[in-house]
PDB file of N, CA and C in Angstrom:
ATOM      1  N   UNK A   1     116.631 133.342  92.450  1.00  0.00           N
ATOM      2  CA  UNK A   1     115.737 133.650  91.356  1.00  0.00           C
ATOM      3  C   UNK A   1     114.314 134.066  91.995  1.00  0.00           C
ATOM      4  N   UNK A   2     113.853 135.220  91.440  1.00  0.00           N
ATOM      5  CA  UNK A   2     112.443 135.613  91.762  1.00  0.00           C
ATOM      6  C   UNK A   2     111.519 135.234  90.650  1.00  0.00           C
ATOM      7  N   UNK A   3     110.237 134.898  91.061  1.00  0.00           N
ATOM      8  CA  UNK A   3     109.314 134.520  90.065  1.00  0.00           C
ATOM      9  C   UNK A   3     108.011 135.202  90.244  1.00  0.00           C
ATOM     10  N   UNK A   4     107.500 135.583  89.098  1.00  0.00           N
ATOM     11  CA  UNK A   4     106.179 136.382  89.144  1.00  0.00           C
ATOM     12  C   UNK A   4     105.280 135.816  88.185  1.00  0.00           C
ATOM     13  N   UNK A   5     104.121 135.297  88.804  1.00  0.00           N
ATOM     14  CA  UNK A   5     103.147 134.694  87.931  1.00  0.00           C
ATOM     15  C   UNK A   5     102.044 135.674  87.618  1.00  0.00           C
ATOM     16  N   UNK A   6     101.475 135.526  86.397  1.00  0.00           N
ATOM     17  CA  UNK A   6     100.458 136.483  85.942  1.00  0.00           C
ATOM     18  C   UNK A   6      99.536 135.733  84.959  1.00  0.00           C
ATOM     19  N   UNK A   7      98.441 136.386  84.623  1.00  0.00           N
ATOM     20  CA  UNK A   7      97.606 135.702  83.563  1.00  0.00           C
ATOM     21  C   UNK A   7      96.279 135.202  84.065  1.00  0.00           C
ATOM     22  N   UNK A   8      96.105 135.112  85.378  1.00  0.00           N
ATOM     23  CA  UNK A   8      94.861 134.603  85.865  1.00  0.00           C
ATOM     24  C   UNK A   8      93.717 135.431  85.646  1.00  0.00           C
ATOM     25  N   UNK A   9      92.520 134.957  85.869  1.00  0.00           N
ATOM     26  CA  UNK A   9      91.346 135.803  85.663  1.00  0.00           C
ATOM     27  C   UNK A   9      90.090 134.944  85.749  1.00  0.00           C
ATOM     28  N   UNK A  10      89.055 135.541  85.320  1.00  0.00           N
ATOM     29  CA  UNK A  10      87.643 134.842  85.367  1.00  0.00           C
ATOM     30  C   UNK A  10      87.334 134.396  83.949  1.00  0.00           C
ATOM     31  N   UNK A  11      86.929 133.088  83.768  1.00  0.00           N
ATOM     32  CA  UNK A  11      86.707 132.540  82.463  1.00  0.00           C
ATOM     33  C   UNK A  11      85.585 131.530  82.690  1.00  0.00           C
ATOM     34  N   UNK A  12      84.767 131.412  81.648  1.00  0.00           N
ATOM     35  CA  UNK A  12      83.621 130.412  81.544  1.00  0.00           C
ATOM     36  C   UNK A  12      84.131 128.988  81.288  1.00  0.00           C
ATOM     37  N   UNK A  13      83.549 128.048  81.825  1.00  0.00           N
ATOM     38  CA  UNK A  13      83.821 126.710  81.519  1.00  0.00           C
ATOM     39  C   UNK A  13      83.958 126.471  80.008  1.00  0.00           C
ATOM     40  N   UNK A  14      85.038 125.761  79.770  1.00  0.00           N
ATOM     41  CA  UNK A  14      85.273 125.535  78.266  1.00  0.00           C
ATOM     42  C   UNK A  14      86.211 126.535  77.698  1.00  0.00           C
ATOM     43  N   UNK A  15      86.494 127.461  78.388  1.00  0.00           N
ATOM     44  CA  UNK A  15      87.291 128.611  77.836  1.00  0.00           C
ATOM     45  C   UNK A  15      88.829 128.304  78.102  1.00  0.00           C
ATOM     46  N   UNK A  16      89.695 129.380  77.760  1.00  0.00           N
ATOM     47  CA  UNK A  16      91.109 129.054  77.851  1.00  0.00           C
ATOM     48  C   UNK A  16      91.792 130.334  78.583  1.00  0.00           C
ATOM     49  N   UNK A  17      92.851 130.022  79.219  1.00  0.00           N
ATOM     50  CA  UNK A  17      93.765 131.126  79.766  1.00  0.00           C
ATOM     51  C   UNK A  17      95.216 130.685  79.511  1.00  0.00           C
ATOM     52  N   UNK A  18      96.012 131.575  79.463  1.00  0.00           N
ATOM     53  CA  UNK A  18      97.381 131.347  79.509  1.00  0.00           C
ATOM     54  C   UNK A  18      98.229 131.969  80.687  1.00  0.00           C
ATOM     55  N   UNK A  19      98.743 131.287  81.547  1.00  0.00           N
ATOM     56  CA  UNK A  19      99.433 131.828  82.568  1.00  0.00           C
ATOM     57  C   UNK A  19     100.969 131.976  82.200  1.00  0.00           C
ATOM     58  N   UNK A  20     101.560 133.000  82.676  1.00  0.00           N
ATOM     59  CA  UNK A  20     102.965 133.250  82.486  1.00  0.00           C
ATOM     60  C   UNK A  20     103.716 133.369  83.883  1.00  0.00           C
ATOM     61  N   UNK A  21     104.921 132.989  83.900  1.00  0.00           N
ATOM     62  CA  UNK A  21     105.775 132.977  85.042  1.00  0.00           C
ATOM     63  C   UNK A  21     107.183 133.590  84.641  1.00  0.00           C
ATOM     64  N   UNK A  22     107.284 134.891  84.996  1.00  0.00           N
ATOM     65  CA  UNK A  22     108.571 135.528  84.574  1.00  0.00           C
ATOM     66  C   UNK A  22     109.659 135.414  85.732  1.00  0.00           C
ATOM     67  N   UNK A  23     110.891 135.053  85.290  1.00  0.00           N
ATOM     68  CA  UNK A  23     111.837 134.846  86.228  1.00  0.00           C
ATOM     69  C   UNK A  23     112.871 136.109  86.171  1.00  0.00           C
ATOM     70  N   UNK A  24     113.416 136.509  87.332  1.00  0.00           N
ATOM     71  CA  UNK A  24     114.454 137.485  87.263  1.00  0.00           C
ATOM     72  C   UNK A  24     115.479 137.073  88.340  1.00  0.00           C
ATOM     73  N   UNK A  25     116.572 137.701  88.158  1.00  0.00           N
ATOM     74  CA  UNK A  25     117.692 137.456  89.174  1.00  0.00           C
ATOM     75  C   UNK A  25     118.570 136.390  88.779  1.00  0.00           C
ATOM     76  N   UNK A  26     118.257 135.488  87.783  1.00  0.00           N
ATOM     77  CA  UNK A  26     119.023 134.452  87.422  1.00  0.00           C
ATOM     78  C   UNK A  26     118.664 133.949  85.986  1.00  0.00           C
ATOM     79  N   UNK A  27     119.459 133.058  85.513  1.00  0.00           N
ATOM     80  CA  UNK A  27     119.074 132.558  84.098  1.00  0.00           C
ATOM     81  C   UNK A  27     118.148 131.375  84.298  1.00  0.00           C
ATOM     82  N   UNK A  28     117.036 131.475  83.674  1.00  0.00           N
ATOM     83  CA  UNK A  28     115.935 130.521  83.790  1.00  0.00           C
ATOM     84  C   UNK A  28     116.383 129.131  83.300  1.00  0.00           C
ATOM     85  N   UNK A  29     117.249 128.994  82.378  1.00  0.00           N
ATOM     86  CA  UNK A  29     117.586 127.628  81.931  1.00  0.00           C
ATOM     87  C   UNK A  29     118.314 126.729  82.926  1.00  0.00           C
ATOM     88  N   UNK A  30     118.662 127.422  84.039  1.00  0.00           N
ATOM     89  CA  UNK A  30     119.376 126.689  85.198  1.00  0.00           C
ATOM     90  C   UNK A  30     118.318 125.885  85.960  1.00  0.00           C
ATOM     91  N   UNK A  31     116.996 126.080  85.721  1.00  0.00           N
ATOM     92  CA  UNK A  31     116.020 125.544  86.649  1.00  0.00           C
ATOM     93  C   UNK A  31     114.995 124.657  85.905  1.00  0.00           C
ATOM     94  N   UNK A  32     114.597 123.526  86.697  1.00  0.00           N
ATOM     95  CA  UNK A  32     113.300 122.940  86.337  1.00  0.00           C
ATOM     96  C   UNK A  32     112.310 123.923  86.826  1.00  0.00           C
ATOM     97  N   UNK A  33     111.135 123.894  86.154  1.00  0.00           N
ATOM     98  CA  UNK A  33     110.088 124.787  86.444  1.00  0.00           C
ATOM     99  C   UNK A  33     108.711 124.042  86.521  1.00  0.00           C
ATOM    100  N   UNK A  34     107.932 124.590  87.391  1.00  0.00           N
ATOM    101  CA  UNK A  34     106.679 123.789  87.707  1.00  0.00           C
ATOM    102  C   UNK A  34     105.537 124.773  87.907  1.00  0.00           C
ATOM    103  N   UNK A  35     104.397 124.249  87.746  1.00  0.00           N
ATOM    104  CA  UNK A  35     103.150 124.963  88.228  1.00  0.00           C
ATOM    105  C   UNK A  35     102.411 124.045  89.232  1.00  0.00           C
ATOM    106  N   UNK A  36     102.014 124.774  90.280  1.00  0.00           N
ATOM    107  CA  UNK A  36     101.148 124.138  91.265  1.00  0.00           C
ATOM    108  C   UNK A  36      99.817 124.885  91.269  1.00  0.00           C
ATOM    109  N   UNK A  37      98.844 124.296  92.018  1.00  0.00           N
ATOM    110  CA  UNK A  37      97.577 125.075  92.247  1.00  0.00           C
ATOM    111  C   UNK A  37      97.111 124.682  93.605  1.00  0.00           C
ATOM    112  N   UNK A  38      96.341 125.620  94.198  1.00  0.00           N
ATOM    113  CA  UNK A  38      95.639 125.268  95.364  1.00  0.00           C
ATOM    114  C   UNK A  38      94.212 125.915  95.438  1.00  0.00           C
ATOM    115  N   UNK A  39      93.281 124.929  95.494  1.00  0.00           N
ATOM    116  CA  UNK A  39      91.878 125.340  95.457  1.00  0.00           C
ATOM    117  C   UNK A  39      91.390 125.677  96.890  1.00  0.00           C
ATOM    118  N   UNK A  40      90.417 126.375  96.991  1.00  0.00           N
ATOM    119  CA  UNK A  40      89.855 126.810  98.328  1.00  0.00           C
ATOM    120  C   UNK A  40      89.666 125.572  99.217  1.00  0.00           C
ATOM    121  N   UNK A  41      90.252 125.602 100.528  1.00  0.00           N
ATOM    122  CA  UNK A  41      90.052 124.455 101.308  1.00  0.00           C
ATOM    123  C   UNK A  41      90.770 123.144 101.100  1.00  0.00           C
ATOM    124  N   UNK A  42      91.701 123.326 100.047  1.00  0.00           N
ATOM    125  CA  UNK A  42      92.340 122.118  99.637  1.00  0.00           C
ATOM    126  C   UNK A  42      93.936 122.208  99.703  1.00  0.00           C
ATOM    127  N   UNK A  43      94.687 121.164  99.528  1.00  0.00           N
ATOM    128  CA  UNK A  43      96.130 121.284  99.629  1.00  0.00           C
ATOM    129  C   UNK A  43      96.684 121.630  98.315  1.00  0.00           C
ATOM    130  N   UNK A  44      97.876 121.981  98.307  1.00  0.00           N
ATOM    131  CA  UNK A  44      98.520 122.412  97.020  1.00  0.00           C
ATOM    132  C   UNK A  44      98.720 121.162  96.159  1.00  0.00           C
ATOM    133  N   UNK A  45      98.405 121.247  94.885  1.00  0.00           N
ATOM    134  CA  UNK A  45      98.552 120.168  93.927  1.00  0.00           C
ATOM    135  C   UNK A  45      99.674 120.516  92.831  1.00  0.00           C
ATOM    136  N   UNK A  46     100.443 119.544  92.650  1.00  0.00           N
ATOM    137  CA  UNK A  46     101.409 119.680  91.611  1.00  0.00           C
ATOM    138  C   UNK A  46     100.719 119.443  90.233  1.00  0.00           C
ATOM    139  N   UNK A  47     100.752 120.498  89.342  1.00  0.00           N
ATOM    140  CA  UNK A  47      99.925 120.315  88.083  1.00  0.00           C
ATOM    141  C   UNK A  47     100.786 119.965  86.870  1.00  0.00           C
ATOM    142  N   UNK A  48     102.124 120.485  86.896  1.00  0.00           N
ATOM    143  CA  UNK A  48     102.869 120.182  85.705  1.00  0.00           C
ATOM    144  C   UNK A  48     104.410 120.749  86.017  1.00  0.00           C
ATOM    145  N   UNK A  49     105.278 120.118  85.306  1.00  0.00           N
ATOM    146  CA  UNK A  49     106.673 120.592  85.355  1.00  0.00           C
ATOM    147  C   UNK A  49     107.397 120.369  83.986  1.00  0.00           C
ATOM    148  N   UNK A  50     108.436 120.998  83.821  1.00  0.00           N
ATOM    149  CA  UNK A  50     109.160 121.038  82.596  1.00  0.00           C
ATOM    150  C   UNK A  50     110.666 121.022  82.870  1.00  0.00           C
ATOM    151  N   UNK A  51     111.408 120.145  82.241  1.00  0.00           N
ATOM    152  CA  UNK A  51     112.900 120.169  82.357  1.00  0.00           C
ATOM    153  C   UNK A  51     113.619 121.426  81.814  1.00  0.00           C
ATOM    154  N   UNK A  52     114.852 121.508  82.150  1.00  0.00           N
ATOM    155  CA  UNK A  52     115.639 122.603  81.898  1.00  0.00           C
ATOM    156  C   UNK A  52     115.517 123.215  80.471  1.00  0.00           C
ATOM    157  N   UNK A  53     115.629 122.207  79.531  1.00  0.00           N
ATOM    158  CA  UNK A  53     115.547 122.671  78.087  1.00  0.00           C
ATOM    159  C   UNK A  53     114.114 122.625  77.489  1.00  0.00           C
ATOM    160  N   UNK A  54     113.141 122.051  78.358  1.00  0.00           N
ATOM    161  CA  UNK A  54     111.818 121.964  77.791  1.00  0.00           C
ATOM    162  C   UNK A  54     111.523 120.590  77.081  1.00  0.00           C
ATOM    163  N   UNK A  55     112.490 119.755  77.022  1.00  0.00           N
ATOM    164  CA  UNK A  55     112.343 118.534  76.444  1.00  0.00           C
ATOM    165  C   UNK A  55     111.390 117.514  76.978  1.00  0.00           C
ATOM    166  N   UNK A  56     111.198 117.610  78.225  1.00  0.00           N
ATOM    167  CA  UNK A  56     110.250 116.603  78.920  1.00  0.00           C
ATOM    168  C   UNK A  56     109.243 117.470  79.752  1.00  0.00           C
ATOM    169  N   UNK A  57     108.043 116.947  79.872  1.00  0.00           N
ATOM    170  CA  UNK A  57     107.099 117.591  80.654  1.00  0.00           C
ATOM    171  C   UNK A  57     106.227 116.542  81.393  1.00  0.00           C
ATOM    172  N   UNK A  58     105.832 116.942  82.544  1.00  0.00           N
ATOM    173  CA  UNK A  58     104.892 116.135  83.467  1.00  0.00           C
ATOM    174  C   UNK A  58     103.545 116.800  83.561  1.00  0.00           C
ATOM    175  N   UNK A  59     102.448 115.971  83.583  1.00  0.00           N
ATOM    176  CA  UNK A  59     101.279 116.542  83.770  1.00  0.00           C
ATOM    177  C   UNK A  59     100.434 115.740  84.771  1.00  0.00           C
ATOM    178  N   UNK A  60      99.786 116.324  85.819  1.00  0.00           N
ATOM    179  CA  UNK A  60      98.844 115.585  86.602  1.00  0.00           C
ATOM    180  C   UNK A  60      97.678 115.036  85.752  1.00  0.00           C
ATOM    181  N   UNK A  61      97.166 113.894  86.201  1.00  0.00           N
ATOM    182  CA  UNK A  61      96.153 113.162  85.332  1.00  0.00           C
ATOM    183  C   UNK A  61      94.942 114.216  85.171  1.00  0.00           C
ATOM    184  N   UNK A  62      94.613 114.986  86.032  1.00  0.00           N
ATOM    185  CA  UNK A  62      93.510 115.821  86.048  1.00  0.00           C
ATOM    186  C   UNK A  62      93.559 116.926  85.057  1.00  0.00           C
ATOM    187  N   UNK A  63      94.696 117.181  84.489  1.00  0.00           N
ATOM    188  CA  UNK A  63      94.907 118.249  83.493  1.00  0.00           C
ATOM    189  C   UNK A  63      95.512 117.694  82.222  1.00  0.00           C
ATOM    190  N   UNK A  64      95.874 116.520  82.111  1.00  0.00           N
ATOM    191  CA  UNK A  64      96.455 115.847  80.961  1.00  0.00           C
ATOM    192  C   UNK A  64      95.628 116.066  79.718  1.00  0.00           C
ATOM    193  N   UNK A  65      96.177 116.534  78.621  1.00  0.00           N
ATOM    194  CA  UNK A  65      95.345 116.776  77.417  1.00  0.00           C
ATOM    195  C   UNK A  65      94.676 118.016  77.311  1.00  0.00           C
ATOM    196  N   UNK A  66      94.714 118.860  78.420  1.00  0.00           N
ATOM    197  CA  UNK A  66      93.971 120.045  78.393  1.00  0.00           C
ATOM    198  C   UNK A  66      94.975 121.155  78.711  1.00  0.00           C
ATOM    199  N   UNK A  67      96.080 120.988  79.475  1.00  0.00           N
ATOM    200  CA  UNK A  67      96.986 122.022  79.812  1.00  0.00           C
ATOM    201  C   UNK A  67      98.349 121.643  79.036  1.00  0.00           C
ATOM    202  N   UNK A  68      99.077 122.717  78.749  1.00  0.00           N
ATOM    203  CA  UNK A  68     100.338 122.498  78.170  1.00  0.00           C
ATOM    204  C   UNK A  68     101.338 123.486  78.758  1.00  0.00           C
ATOM    205  N   UNK A  69     102.522 122.993  79.269  1.00  0.00           N
ATOM    206  CA  UNK A  69     103.497 123.784  79.903  1.00  0.00           C
ATOM    207  C   UNK A  69     104.530 124.005  78.841  1.00  0.00           C
ATOM    208  N   UNK A  70     105.169 125.159  78.778  1.00  0.00           N
ATOM    209  CA  UNK A  70     106.275 125.447  77.949  1.00  0.00           C
ATOM    210  C   UNK A  70     107.078 126.509  78.438  1.00  0.00           C
ATOM    211  N   UNK A  71     108.363 126.639  77.833  1.00  0.00           N
ATOM    212  CA  UNK A  71     109.173 127.624  78.377  1.00  0.00           C
ATOM    213  C   UNK A  71     109.973 128.373  77.316  1.00  0.00           C
ATOM    214  N   UNK A  72     110.336 129.654  77.537  1.00  0.00           N
ATOM    215  CA  UNK A  72     111.110 130.362  76.524  1.00  0.00           C
ATOM    216  C   UNK A  72     112.234 130.888  77.378  1.00  0.00           C
ATOM    217  N   UNK A  73     113.314 130.157  77.290  1.00  0.00           N
ATOM    218  CA  UNK A  73     114.610 130.612  78.211  1.00  0.00           C
ATOM    219  C   UNK A  73     115.081 131.897  77.710  1.00  0.00           C
ATOM    220  N   UNK A  74     115.002 132.162  76.388  1.00  0.00           N
ATOM    221  CA  UNK A  74     115.446 133.576  75.972  1.00  0.00           C
ATOM    222  C   UNK A  74     114.713 134.746  76.652  1.00  0.00           C
ATOM    223  N   UNK A  75     113.402 134.422  76.987  1.00  0.00           N
ATOM    224  CA  UNK A  75     112.527 135.455  77.601  1.00  0.00           C
ATOM    225  C   UNK A  75     112.514 135.204  79.095  1.00  0.00           C
ATOM    226  N   UNK A  76     113.190 134.235  79.561  1.00  0.00           N
ATOM    227  CA  UNK A  76     113.101 133.923  80.993  1.00  0.00           C
ATOM    228  C   UNK A  76     111.679 133.685  81.585  1.00  0.00           C
ATOM    229  N   UNK A  77     110.827 133.076  80.797  1.00  0.00           N
ATOM    230  CA  UNK A  77     109.500 132.925  80.997  1.00  0.00           C
ATOM    231  C   UNK A  77     109.009 131.444  80.808  1.00  0.00           C
ATOM    232  N   UNK A  78     108.117 131.023  81.738  1.00  0.00           N
ATOM    233  CA  UNK A  78     107.451 129.772  81.521  1.00  0.00           C
ATOM    234  C   UNK A  78     105.980 129.959  81.447  1.00  0.00           C
ATOM    235  N   UNK A  79     105.286 129.105  80.608  1.00  0.00           N
ATOM    236  CA  UNK A  79     103.828 129.417  80.365  1.00  0.00           C
ATOM    237  C   UNK A  79     103.072 128.142  80.770  1.00  0.00           C
ATOM    238  N   UNK A  80     101.846 128.299  81.059  1.00  0.00           N
ATOM    239  CA  UNK A  80     100.916 127.247  81.139  1.00  0.00           C
ATOM    240  C   UNK A  80      99.604 127.644  80.402  1.00  0.00           C
ATOM    241  N   UNK A  81      99.467 127.009  79.213  1.00  0.00           N
ATOM    242  CA  UNK A  81      98.273 127.082  78.412  1.00  0.00           C
ATOM    243  C   UNK A  81      97.290 126.173  78.949  1.00  0.00           C
ATOM    244  N   UNK A  82      96.086 126.735  79.289  1.00  0.00           N
ATOM    245  CA  UNK A  82      95.016 125.999  79.940  1.00  0.00           C
ATOM    246  C   UNK A  82      93.753 126.097  78.950  1.00  0.00           C
ATOM    247  N   UNK A  83      93.441 124.885  78.406  1.00  0.00           N
ATOM    248  CA  UNK A  83      92.289 124.810  77.555  1.00  0.00           C
ATOM    249  C   UNK A  83      91.230 124.027  78.148  1.00  0.00           C
ATOM    250  N   UNK A  84      89.950 124.082  77.649  1.00  0.00           N
ATOM    251  CA  UNK A  84      88.796 123.278  78.133  1.00  0.00           C
ATOM    252  C   UNK A  84      88.749 123.387  79.614  1.00  0.00           C
ATOM    253  N   UNK A  85      88.736 124.619  80.207  1.00  0.00           N
ATOM    254  CA  UNK A  85      88.810 124.782  81.642  1.00  0.00           C
ATOM    255  C   UNK A  85      87.438 124.331  82.143  1.00  0.00           C
ATOM    256  N   UNK A  86      87.631 123.788  83.392  1.00  0.00           N
ATOM    257  CA  UNK A  86      86.475 123.298  84.198  1.00  0.00           C
ATOM    258  C   UNK A  86      86.329 124.068  85.442  1.00  0.00           C
ATOM    259  N   UNK A  87      85.194 124.105  86.086  1.00  0.00           N
ATOM    260  CA  UNK A  87      84.986 124.721  87.391  1.00  0.00           C
ATOM    261  C   UNK A  87      85.945 124.238  88.455  1.00  0.00           C
ATOM    262  N   UNK A  88      86.270 122.860  88.338  1.00  0.00           N
ATOM    263  CA  UNK A  88      87.166 122.346  89.274  1.00  0.00           C
ATOM    264  C   UNK A  88      88.695 122.770  89.077  1.00  0.00           C
ATOM    265  N   UNK A  89      88.921 123.480  88.126  1.00  0.00           N
ATOM    266  CA  UNK A  89      90.303 124.077  87.818  1.00  0.00           C
ATOM    267  C   UNK A  89      90.446 125.370  88.560  1.00  0.00           C
ATOM    268  N   UNK A  90      89.412 125.897  89.194  1.00  0.00           N
ATOM    269  CA  UNK A  90      89.455 127.019  89.969  1.00  0.00           C
ATOM    270  C   UNK A  90      90.359 126.872  91.039  1.00  0.00           C
ATOM    271  N   UNK A  91      91.428 127.895  91.207  1.00  0.00           N
ATOM    272  CA  UNK A  91      92.398 127.678  92.095  1.00  0.00           C
ATOM    273  C   UNK A  91      93.338 128.964  92.032  1.00  0.00           C
ATOM    274  N   UNK A  92      94.163 129.047  93.041  1.00  0.00           N
ATOM    275  CA  UNK A  92      95.290 129.982  92.836  1.00  0.00           C
ATOM    276  C   UNK A  92      96.599 129.186  92.355  1.00  0.00           C
ATOM    277  N   UNK A  93      97.050 129.710  91.270  1.00  0.00           N
ATOM    278  CA  UNK A  93      98.200 128.853  90.588  1.00  0.00           C
ATOM    279  C   UNK A  93      99.484 129.585  90.904  1.00  0.00           C
ATOM    280  N   UNK A  94     100.511 128.687  91.183  1.00  0.00           N
ATOM    281  CA  UNK A  94     101.753 129.178  91.555  1.00  0.00           C
ATOM    282  C   UNK A  94     102.818 128.550  90.575  1.00  0.00           C
ATOM    283  N   UNK A  95     103.965 129.352  90.297  1.00  0.00           N
ATOM    284  CA  UNK A  95     105.006 128.894  89.777  1.00  0.00           C
ATOM    285  C   UNK A  95     106.138 128.552  90.723  1.00  0.00           C
ATOM    286  N   UNK A  96     106.917 127.501  90.370  1.00  0.00           N
ATOM    287  CA  UNK A  96     107.979 127.218  91.230  1.00  0.00           C
ATOM    288  C   UNK A  96     109.209 126.717  90.529  1.00  0.00           C
ATOM    289  N   UNK A  97     110.427 126.723  91.176  1.00  0.00           N
ATOM    290  CA  UNK A  97     111.610 126.364  90.397  1.00  0.00           C
ATOM    291  C   UNK A  97     112.542 125.677  91.357  1.00  0.00           C
ATOM    292  N   UNK A  98     113.314 124.850  90.833  1.00  0.00           N
ATOM    293  CA  UNK A  98     114.384 124.121  91.453  1.00  0.00           C
ATOM    294  C   UNK A  98     115.615 123.835  90.503  1.00  0.00           C
ATOM    295  N   UNK A  99     116.785 123.691  91.040  1.00  0.00           N
ATOM    296  CA  UNK A  99     118.008 123.546  90.296  1.00  0.00           C
ATOM    297  C   UNK A  99     118.152 122.093  89.871  1.00  0.00           C
ATOM    298  N   UNK A 100     117.927 121.225  90.831  1.00  0.00           N
ATOM    299  CA  UNK A 100     118.206 119.896  90.597  1.00  0.00           C
ATOM    300  C   UNK A 100     117.033 119.139  89.885  1.00  0.00           C
ATOM    301  N   UNK A 101     117.420 117.984  89.273  1.00  0.00           N
ATOM    302  CA  UNK A 101     116.404 117.108  88.667  1.00  0.00           C
ATOM    303  C   UNK A 101     115.406 116.599  89.659  1.00  0.00           C
ATOM    304  N   UNK A 102     115.896 116.304  90.814  1.00  0.00           N
ATOM    305  CA  UNK A 102     114.973 115.730  91.863  1.00  0.00           C
ATOM    306  C   UNK A 102     115.036 116.647  93.061  1.00  0.00           C
ATOM    307  N   UNK A 103     114.075 116.445  93.972  1.00  0.00           N
ATOM    308  CA  UNK A 103     114.132 117.256  95.242  1.00  0.00           C
ATOM    309  C   UNK A 103     113.055 118.223  95.421  1.00  0.00           C
ATOM    310  N   UNK A 104     113.211 118.992  96.462  1.00  0.00           N
ATOM    311  CA  UNK A 104     112.241 120.097  96.781  1.00  0.00           C
ATOM    312  C   UNK A 104     112.290 121.225  95.812  1.00  0.00           C
ATOM    313  N   UNK A 105     111.032 121.859  95.635  1.00  0.00           N
ATOM    314  CA  UNK A 105     111.006 122.984  94.807  1.00  0.00           C
ATOM    315  C   UNK A 105     111.386 124.210  95.819  1.00  0.00           C
ATOM    316  N   UNK A 106     112.466 124.776  95.276  1.00  0.00           N
ATOM    317  CA  UNK A 106     113.158 125.756  96.216  1.00  0.00           C
ATOM    318  C   UNK A 106     112.555 127.243  96.130  1.00  0.00           C
ATOM    319  N   UNK A 107     112.173 127.576  95.074  1.00  0.00           N
ATOM    320  CA  UNK A 107     111.695 128.896  94.779  1.00  0.00           C
ATOM    321  C   UNK A 107     110.285 128.992  94.392  1.00  0.00           C
ATOM    322  N   UNK A 108     109.567 129.956  94.862  1.00  0.00           N
ATOM    323  CA  UNK A 108     108.182 130.105  94.618  1.00  0.00           C
ATOM    324  C   UNK A 108     107.813 131.620  94.272  1.00  0.00           C
ATOM    325  N   UNK A 109     106.881 131.784  93.442  1.00  0.00           N
ATOM    326  CA  UNK A 109     106.284 132.993  93.142  1.00  0.00           C
ATOM    327  C   UNK A 109     104.985 133.133  93.785  1.00  0.00           C
ATOM    328  N   UNK A 110     104.445 134.398  93.867  1.00  0.00           N
ATOM    329  CA  UNK A 110     103.097 134.708  94.311  1.00  0.00           C
ATOM    330  C   UNK A 110     102.149 134.124  93.314  1.00  0.00           C
ATOM    331  N   UNK A 111     101.076 133.748  93.809  1.00  0.00           N
ATOM    332  CA  UNK A 111     100.011 133.041  93.039  1.00  0.00           C
ATOM    333  C   UNK A 111      99.226 134.012  92.160  1.00  0.00           C
ATOM    334  N   UNK A 112      98.483 133.375  91.126  1.00  0.00           N
ATOM    335  CA  UNK A 112      97.561 134.120  90.340  1.00  0.00           C
ATOM    336  C   UNK A 112      96.260 133.331  90.292  1.00  0.00           C
ATOM    337  N   UNK A 113      95.194 134.005  90.602  1.00  0.00           N
ATOM    338  CA  UNK A 113      93.921 133.348  90.756  1.00  0.00           C
ATOM    339  C   UNK A 113      93.211 133.076  89.388  1.00  0.00           C
ATOM    340  N   UNK A 114      92.850 131.880  89.296  1.00  0.00           N
ATOM    341  CA  UNK A 114      92.095 131.444  88.078  1.00  0.00           C
ATOM    342  C   UNK A 114      90.708 131.023  88.567  1.00  0.00           C
ATOM    343  N   UNK A 115      89.623 131.655  88.034  1.00  0.00           N
ATOM    344  CA  UNK A 115      88.199 131.237  88.437  1.00  0.00           C
ATOM    345  C   UNK A 115      87.427 130.884  87.190  1.00  0.00           C
ATOM    346  N   UNK A 116      86.917 129.629  87.245  1.00  0.00           N
ATOM    347  CA  UNK A 116      86.220 129.096  86.078  1.00  0.00           C
ATOM    348  C   UNK A 116      84.716 129.034  86.531  1.00  0.00           C
ATOM    349  N   UNK A 117      83.903 129.736  85.909  1.00  0.00           N
ATOM    350  CA  UNK A 117      82.472 129.735  86.131  1.00  0.00           C
ATOM    351  C   UNK A 117      81.771 128.666  85.352  1.00  0.00           C
ATOM    352  N   UNK A 118      80.759 128.097  85.921  1.00  0.00           N
ATOM    353  CA  UNK A 118      79.942 127.031  85.157  1.00  0.00           C
ATOM    354  C   UNK A 118      78.799 127.656  84.368  1.00  0.00           C
TER     355      UNK A 118
END
């Protein structure tokens, strides 16, 4: 599966953005999907993931209550709605996929940059 993230940009603190991750080459419903981010000079952080059907989601504590992950398997797309953005949310955001419930994230898209100004 190939993944393409989009939707990043520059936003003021307190604002919102919605990231999209479009999948091609396979059926999205086969995959657990996740969003990661990497801020300048920092390691990659697991932000959120969602199960095959979308019934269960995980969020890092730093984004809980502000970010929402969702998926539309009919459109082969996963979303990350980001509200109440903070400058510390500034990072390159990546989507990732894996087939199994556990294990490594096997497939990665190119990132999309989110910049939150104070």
